[in-house]
Amino acid sequence: MTFEFMTISPSTISFLANGHPSRSGTFLLRIGDHRYTFTVYLGKGVVTYKKL
């Protein structure tokens, strides 16, 4: 499993006390031959992912 920086590094993701993320952006997760993009939305507290 490896993480790749796109617009945000997974190690910099943190959430505020109200559940909203402190930063937004996208990173890539690779697990073997499978790739996924994770997107953190600012102000919504939502994280989505999509298999590529």
N, C-alpha and C. Protein backbone atom coordinates (compact mmCIF):
# COMPACT_ATOMS: atom_id res chain seq x y z
N MET A 1 0.86 -1.16 0.00
CA MET A 1 0.00 0.00 0.00
C MET A 1 0.91 1.23 0.00
N THR A 2 0.69 2.11 -0.95
CA THR A 2 1.44 3.37 -1.00
C THR A 2 0.49 4.53 -1.24
N PHE A 3 0.86 5.66 -0.69
CA PHE A 3 0.12 6.90 -0.88
C PHE A 3 0.94 7.80 -1.78
N GLU A 4 0.28 8.49 -2.69
CA GLU A 4 0.97 9.43 -3.57
C GLU A 4 0.32 10.80 -3.44
N PHE A 5 1.16 11.80 -3.29
CA PHE A 5 0.71 13.19 -3.18
C PHE A 5 0.13 13.63 -4.51
N MET A 6 -1.04 14.24 -4.47
CA MET A 6 -1.60 14.90 -5.65
C MET A 6 -1.74 16.38 -5.30
N THR A 7 -2.78 16.75 -4.56
CA THR A 7 -2.92 18.14 -4.11
C THR A 7 -2.85 18.25 -2.59
N ILE A 8 -2.81 17.10 -1.91
CA ILE A 8 -2.69 17.08 -0.45
C ILE A 8 -1.97 15.80 -0.05
N SER A 9 -1.17 15.87 0.98
CA SER A 9 -0.48 14.70 1.50
C SER A 9 -1.35 14.06 2.59
N PRO A 10 -1.53 12.75 2.57
CA PRO A 10 -2.37 12.11 3.59
C PRO A 10 -1.93 12.40 5.02
N SER A 11 -0.64 12.64 5.22
CA SER A 11 -0.14 12.91 6.58
C SER A 11 -0.53 14.29 7.08
N THR A 12 -1.03 15.17 6.21
CA THR A 12 -1.41 16.52 6.63
C THR A 12 -2.91 16.68 6.86
N ILE A 13 -3.67 15.61 6.65
CA ILE A 13 -5.12 15.68 6.82
C ILE A 13 -5.46 15.67 8.31
N SER A 14 -6.24 16.64 8.73
CA SER A 14 -6.73 16.67 10.11
C SER A 14 -8.13 17.27 10.11
N PHE A 15 -8.86 16.97 11.15
CA PHE A 15 -10.24 17.43 11.25
C PHE A 15 -10.41 18.31 12.47
N LEU A 16 -11.23 19.33 12.35
CA LEU A 16 -11.53 20.25 13.44
C LEU A 16 -12.53 19.61 14.40
N ALA A 17 -12.74 20.22 15.54
CA ALA A 17 -13.66 19.69 16.54
C ALA A 17 -15.09 19.54 16.01
N ASN A 18 -15.46 20.39 15.05
CA ASN A 18 -16.82 20.32 14.48
C ASN A 18 -16.96 19.26 13.38
N GLY A 19 -15.88 18.52 13.10
CA GLY A 19 -15.92 17.45 12.11
C GLY A 19 -15.51 17.86 10.72
N HIS A 20 -15.28 19.14 10.48
CA HIS A 20 -14.86 19.61 9.17
C HIS A 20 -13.35 19.46 9.02
N PRO A 21 -12.88 19.13 7.81
CA PRO A 21 -11.44 19.03 7.60
C PRO A 21 -10.78 20.41 7.63
N SER A 22 -9.52 20.44 8.03
CA SER A 22 -8.80 21.71 8.07
C SER A 22 -8.22 22.08 6.71
N ARG A 23 -8.10 21.11 5.81
CA ARG A 23 -7.59 21.34 4.45
C ARG A 23 -8.38 20.47 3.48
N SER A 24 -8.38 20.86 2.23
CA SER A 24 -9.03 20.04 1.21
C SER A 24 -7.99 19.61 0.19
N GLY A 25 -8.33 18.59 -0.58
CA GLY A 25 -7.43 18.14 -1.62
C GLY A 25 -7.65 16.69 -1.97
N THR A 26 -6.77 16.17 -2.83
CA THR A 26 -6.88 14.81 -3.34
C THR A 26 -5.54 14.10 -3.22
N PHE A 27 -5.58 12.81 -2.88
CA PHE A 27 -4.38 11.98 -2.89
C PHE A 27 -4.71 10.64 -3.52
N LEU A 28 -3.69 9.92 -3.93
CA LEU A 28 -3.84 8.64 -4.60
C LEU A 28 -3.37 7.53 -3.68
N LEU A 29 -4.14 6.45 -3.62
CA LEU A 29 -3.77 5.26 -2.84
C LEU A 29 -3.60 4.10 -3.81
N ARG A 30 -2.45 3.43 -3.73
CA ARG A 30 -2.20 2.24 -4.55
C ARG A 30 -2.13 1.02 -3.64
N ILE A 31 -2.90 0.00 -4.00
CA ILE A 31 -2.85 -1.28 -3.30
C ILE A 31 -2.67 -2.33 -4.39
N GLY A 32 -1.45 -2.82 -4.52
CA GLY A 32 -1.15 -3.75 -5.61
C GLY A 32 -1.40 -3.08 -6.95
N ASP A 33 -2.23 -3.69 -7.78
CA ASP A 33 -2.55 -3.13 -9.10
C ASP A 33 -3.75 -2.19 -9.06
N HIS A 34 -4.35 -2.01 -7.90
CA HIS A 34 -5.54 -1.17 -7.77
C HIS A 34 -5.15 0.25 -7.36
N ARG A 35 -5.82 1.24 -7.95
CA ARG A 35 -5.56 2.65 -7.63
C ARG A 35 -6.87 3.33 -7.27
N TYR A 36 -6.81 4.18 -6.25
CA TYR A 36 -7.98 4.90 -5.77
C TYR A 36 -7.60 6.36 -5.54
N THR A 37 -8.50 7.27 -5.88
CA THR A 37 -8.30 8.67 -5.51
C THR A 37 -9.24 8.98 -4.34
N PHE A 38 -8.72 9.65 -3.35
CA PHE A 38 -9.49 10.11 -2.20
C PHE A 38 -9.51 11.63 -2.24
N THR A 39 -10.70 12.21 -2.10
CA THR A 39 -10.85 13.66 -2.12
C THR A 39 -11.49 14.11 -0.81
N VAL A 40 -10.86 15.08 -0.16
CA VAL A 40 -11.35 15.66 1.08
C VAL A 40 -11.95 17.02 0.72
N TYR A 41 -13.21 17.23 1.07
CA TYR A 41 -13.90 18.47 0.74
C TYR A 41 -13.93 19.39 1.95
N LEU A 42 -13.45 20.60 1.78
CA LEU A 42 -13.43 21.60 2.83
C LEU A 42 -14.83 22.12 3.08
N GLY A 43 -15.20 22.24 4.34
CA GLY A 43 -16.49 22.81 4.71
C GLY A 43 -17.64 21.84 4.71
N LYS A 44 -17.44 20.64 4.20
CA LYS A 44 -18.52 19.66 4.17
C LYS A 44 -18.25 18.49 5.13
N GLY A 45 -16.99 18.25 5.47
CA GLY A 45 -16.66 17.11 6.30
C GLY A 45 -16.81 15.80 5.55
N VAL A 46 -16.72 15.85 4.23
CA VAL A 46 -16.94 14.68 3.40
C VAL A 46 -15.63 14.23 2.78
N VAL A 47 -15.41 12.91 2.75
CA VAL A 47 -14.28 12.32 2.04
C VAL A 47 -14.87 11.32 1.06
N THR A 48 -14.53 11.46 -0.22
CA THR A 48 -15.00 10.52 -1.22
C THR A 48 -13.83 9.78 -1.82
N TYR A 49 -14.10 8.61 -2.37
CA TYR A 49 -13.05 7.88 -3.07
C TYR A 49 -13.61 7.28 -4.34
N LYS A 50 -12.70 7.04 -5.29
CA LYS A 50 -13.09 6.49 -6.59
C LYS A 50 -12.00 5.55 -7.06
N LYS A 51 -12.40 4.36 -7.49
CA LYS A 51 -11.43 3.41 -8.05
C LYS A 51 -11.12 3.83 -9.47
N LEU A 52 -9.85 3.84 -9.80
CA LEU A 52 -9.42 4.21 -11.16
C LEU A 52 -9.20 2.99 -12.01
